[in-house]
Amino acid sequence: MPNKRGPDTYKGFQSPKSTDWPKPIRKQVRRAYGAWRRKHPQEDPTIKARGSRIAWSSAKRKYPKLYSEHQNKEVKQEMKEHPWAGKKIAKRIAHDHAALEEARQDYITGG
């Protein structure tokens, strides 16, 4: 059974990275992911990925305005850094930067 403890855990499971997101969204992602993993404790990557998608979609559904404001802030930042990129490309760059940062953290922590 899971027994992880810390700020990004819920019911013993480590939630997806959400450090730069607003606090209500982080809390919703953590709770939804923990509840999903409690029902499905297998270590299969597809189970984990599905739980992550469910957690993020529940946060988006519960806090639509806060979610879109944060995403727009990230896209605007990428458009400043990459003035040649349009909105669609800046959105992809923001998503890729988030994925790269998560991969870097996993590499550093050995996770």
C-alpha atoms as a PDB file:
ATOM      1  CA  MET A   1       0.000   0.000   0.000  1.00  0.00           C
ATOM      2  CA  PRO A   2       1.215   3.530  -0.615  1.00  0.00           C
ATOM      3  CA  ASN A   3       2.737   5.454   2.242  1.00  0.00           C
ATOM      4  CA  LYS A   4       4.245   8.590   0.743  1.00  0.00           C
ATOM      5  CA  ARG A   5       4.060  11.777   2.752  1.00  0.00           C
ATOM      6  CA  GLY A   6       4.634  15.370   1.802  1.00  0.00           C
ATOM      7  CA  PRO A   7       3.024  18.480   0.359  1.00  0.00           C
ATOM      8  CA  ASP A   8       2.040  16.939  -2.999  1.00  0.00           C
ATOM      9  CA  THR A   9       0.553  13.723  -1.653  1.00  0.00           C
ATOM     10  CA  TYR A  10      -2.962  12.609  -0.883  1.00  0.00           C
ATOM     11  CA  LYS A  11      -3.933   9.282   0.660  1.00  0.00           C
ATOM     12  CA  GLY A  12      -0.323   8.198   0.286  1.00  0.00           C
ATOM     13  CA  PHE A  13       0.031   8.839  -3.453  1.00  0.00           C
ATOM     14  CA  GLN A  14       2.269  11.414  -5.120  1.00  0.00           C
ATOM     15  CA  SER A  15       0.193  13.708  -7.318  1.00  0.00           C
ATOM     16  CA  PRO A  16       1.208  15.162 -10.709  1.00  0.00           C
ATOM     17  CA  LYS A  17       3.474  18.210 -10.600  1.00  0.00           C
ATOM     18  CA  SER A  18       1.455  21.384 -10.131  1.00  0.00           C
ATOM     19  CA  THR A  19       3.824  23.721  -8.287  1.00  0.00           C
ATOM     20  CA  ASP A  20       3.248  26.910 -10.287  1.00  0.00           C
ATOM     21  CA  TRP A  21      -0.551  26.514 -10.428  1.00  0.00           C
ATOM     22  CA  PRO A  22      -2.969  28.349  -8.077  1.00  0.00           C
ATOM     23  CA  LYS A  23      -3.600  26.695  -4.719  1.00  0.00           C
ATOM     24  CA  PRO A  24      -7.255  25.603  -5.314  1.00  0.00           C
ATOM     25  CA  ILE A  25      -6.266  23.854  -8.542  1.00  0.00           C
ATOM     26  CA  ARG A  26      -3.283  22.148  -6.892  1.00  0.00           C
ATOM     27  CA  LYS A  27      -5.534  20.920  -4.103  1.00  0.00           C
ATOM     28  CA  GLN A  28      -8.172  19.596  -6.532  1.00  0.00           C
ATOM     29  CA  VAL A  29      -5.552  17.789  -8.659  1.00  0.00           C
ATOM     30  CA  ARG A  30      -3.979  16.248  -5.564  1.00  0.00           C
ATOM     31  CA  ARG A  31      -7.314  15.046  -4.153  1.00  0.00           C
ATOM     32  CA  ALA A  32      -8.682  13.692  -7.456  1.00  0.00           C
ATOM     33  CA  TYR A  33      -5.439  11.881  -8.300  1.00  0.00           C
ATOM     34  CA  GLY A  34      -5.160  10.385  -4.798  1.00  0.00           C
ATOM     35  CA  ALA A  35      -8.745   9.140  -4.895  1.00  0.00           C
ATOM     36  CA  TRP A  36      -8.228   7.600  -8.362  1.00  0.00           C
ATOM     37  CA  ARG A  37      -5.013   5.882  -7.319  1.00  0.00           C
ATOM     38  CA  ARG A  38      -6.657   4.627  -4.127  1.00  0.00           C
ATOM     39  CA  LYS A  39      -9.235   2.835  -6.297  1.00  0.00           C
ATOM     40  CA  HIS A  40      -6.571   1.686  -8.801  1.00  0.00           C
ATOM     41  CA  PRO A  41      -3.303   1.085  -6.909  1.00  0.00           C
ATOM     42  CA  GLN A  42      -1.555  -0.724  -9.788  1.00  0.00           C
ATOM     43  CA  GLU A  43       1.788   0.716 -10.896  1.00  0.00           C
ATOM     44  CA  ASP A  44       0.919   0.450 -14.596  1.00  0.00           C
ATOM     45  CA  PRO A  45       1.868   3.703 -16.407  1.00  0.00           C
ATOM     46  CA  THR A  46      -1.458   3.752 -18.266  1.00  0.00           C
ATOM     47  CA  ILE A  47      -3.368   3.716 -14.961  1.00  0.00           C
ATOM     48  CA  LYS A  48      -1.232   6.585 -13.660  1.00  0.00           C
ATOM     49  CA  ALA A  49      -1.621   8.605 -16.874  1.00  0.00           C
ATOM     50  CA  ARG A  50      -5.379   8.141 -16.888  1.00  0.00           C
ATOM     51  CA  GLY A  51      -5.562   9.249 -13.253  1.00  0.00           C
ATOM     52  CA  SER A  52      -3.524  12.329 -14.095  1.00  0.00           C
ATOM     53  CA  ARG A  53      -5.803  13.245 -17.004  1.00  0.00           C
ATOM     54  CA  ILE A  54      -8.873  12.765 -14.811  1.00  0.00           C
ATOM     55  CA  ALA A  55      -7.372  14.907 -12.050  1.00  0.00           C
ATOM     56  CA  TRP A  56      -6.498  17.783 -14.385  1.00  0.00           C
ATOM     57  CA  SER A  57      -9.872  17.675 -16.139  1.00  0.00           C
ATOM     58  CA  SER A  58     -11.673  17.748 -12.784  1.00  0.00           C
ATOM     59  CA  ALA A  59      -9.675  20.840 -11.781  1.00  0.00           C
ATOM     60  CA  LYS A  60     -10.462  22.477 -15.115  1.00  0.00           C
ATOM     61  CA  ARG A  61     -14.156  21.683 -14.690  1.00  0.00           C
ATOM     62  CA  LYS A  62     -14.296  22.873 -11.058  1.00  0.00           C
ATOM     63  CA  TYR A  63     -12.299  26.104 -11.556  1.00  0.00           C
ATOM     64  CA  PRO A  64     -12.694  27.031 -15.248  1.00  0.00           C
ATOM     65  CA  LYS A  65     -11.925  30.730 -14.876  1.00  0.00           C
ATOM     66  CA  LEU A  66      -8.860  30.240 -12.668  1.00  0.00           C
ATOM     67  CA  TYR A  67      -7.600  27.448 -14.941  1.00  0.00           C
ATOM     68  CA  SER A  68      -7.906  29.507 -18.125  1.00  0.00           C
ATOM     69  CA  GLU A  69      -6.375  32.608 -16.487  1.00  0.00           C
ATOM     70  CA  HIS A  70      -3.311  30.617 -15.504  1.00  0.00           C
ATOM     71  CA  GLN A  71      -2.968  29.038 -18.938  1.00  0.00           C
ATOM     72  CA  ASN A  72      -3.316  32.420 -20.631  1.00  0.00           C
ATOM     73  CA  LYS A  73      -0.625  33.827 -18.345  1.00  0.00           C
ATOM     74  CA  GLU A  74       1.756  31.048 -19.398  1.00  0.00           C
ATOM     75  CA  VAL A  75       0.970  31.542 -23.092  1.00  0.00           C
ATOM     76  CA  LYS A  76       1.516  35.307 -22.821  1.00  0.00           C
ATOM     77  CA  GLN A  77       4.878  34.678 -21.165  1.00  0.00           C
ATOM     78  CA  GLU A  78       5.930  32.352 -23.976  1.00  0.00           C
ATOM     79  CA  MET A  79       4.792  34.889 -26.582  1.00  0.00           C
ATOM     80  CA  LYS A  80       7.053  37.481 -24.920  1.00  0.00           C
ATOM     81  CA  GLU A  81       9.990  35.074 -24.958  1.00  0.00           C
ATOM     82  CA  HIS A  82       9.281  33.914 -28.514  1.00  0.00           C
ATOM     83  CA  PRO A  83       7.822  36.901 -30.405  1.00  0.00           C
ATOM     84  CA  TRP A  84       7.864  35.003 -33.706  1.00  0.00           C
ATOM     85  CA  ALA A  85       5.409  32.413 -32.325  1.00  0.00           C
ATOM     86  CA  GLY A  86       1.701  32.839 -32.663  1.00  0.00           C
ATOM     87  CA  LYS A  87      -0.730  31.923 -29.912  1.00  0.00           C
ATOM     88  CA  LYS A  88      -1.085  28.305 -31.008  1.00  0.00           C
ATOM     89  CA  ILE A  89       2.663  27.694 -31.123  1.00  0.00           C
ATOM     90  CA  ALA A  90       3.205  29.568 -27.837  1.00  0.00           C
ATOM     91  CA  LYS A  91       0.663  27.269 -26.199  1.00  0.00           C
ATOM     92  CA  ARG A  92       2.576  24.212 -27.424  1.00  0.00           C
ATOM     93  CA  ILE A  93       5.866  25.697 -26.208  1.00  0.00           C
ATOM     94  CA  ALA A  94       4.364  26.336 -22.748  1.00  0.00           C
ATOM     95  CA  HIS A  95       3.137  22.743 -22.613  1.00  0.00           C
ATOM     96  CA  ASP A  96       6.537  21.414 -23.703  1.00  0.00           C
ATOM     97  CA  HIS A  97       8.349  23.532 -21.113  1.00  0.00           C
ATOM     98  CA  ALA A  98       6.125  22.108 -18.376  1.00  0.00           C
ATOM     99  CA  ALA A  99       6.829  18.555 -19.549  1.00  0.00           C
ATOM    100  CA  LEU A 100      10.571  19.218 -19.738  1.00  0.00           C
ATOM    101  CA  GLU A 101      10.603  20.696 -16.242  1.00  0.00           C
ATOM    102  CA  GLU A 102       8.773  17.663 -14.875  1.00  0.00           C
ATOM    103  CA  ALA A 103      11.225  15.317 -16.606  1.00  0.00           C
ATOM    104  CA  ARG A 104      14.154  17.302 -15.215  1.00  0.00           C
ATOM    105  CA  GLN A 105      12.771  17.086 -11.678  1.00  0.00           C
ATOM    106  CA  ASP A 106      12.215  13.342 -12.034  1.00  0.00           C
ATOM    107  CA  TYR A 107      15.798  12.917 -13.241  1.00  0.00           C
ATOM    108  CA  ILE A 108      17.194  14.938 -10.345  1.00  0.00           C
ATOM    109  CA  THR A 109      15.155  13.173  -7.671  1.00  0.00           C
ATOM    110  CA  GLY A 110      15.526   9.758  -9.271  1.00  0.00           C
ATOM    111  CA  GLY A 111      11.744   9.372  -9.574  1.00  0.00           C
END
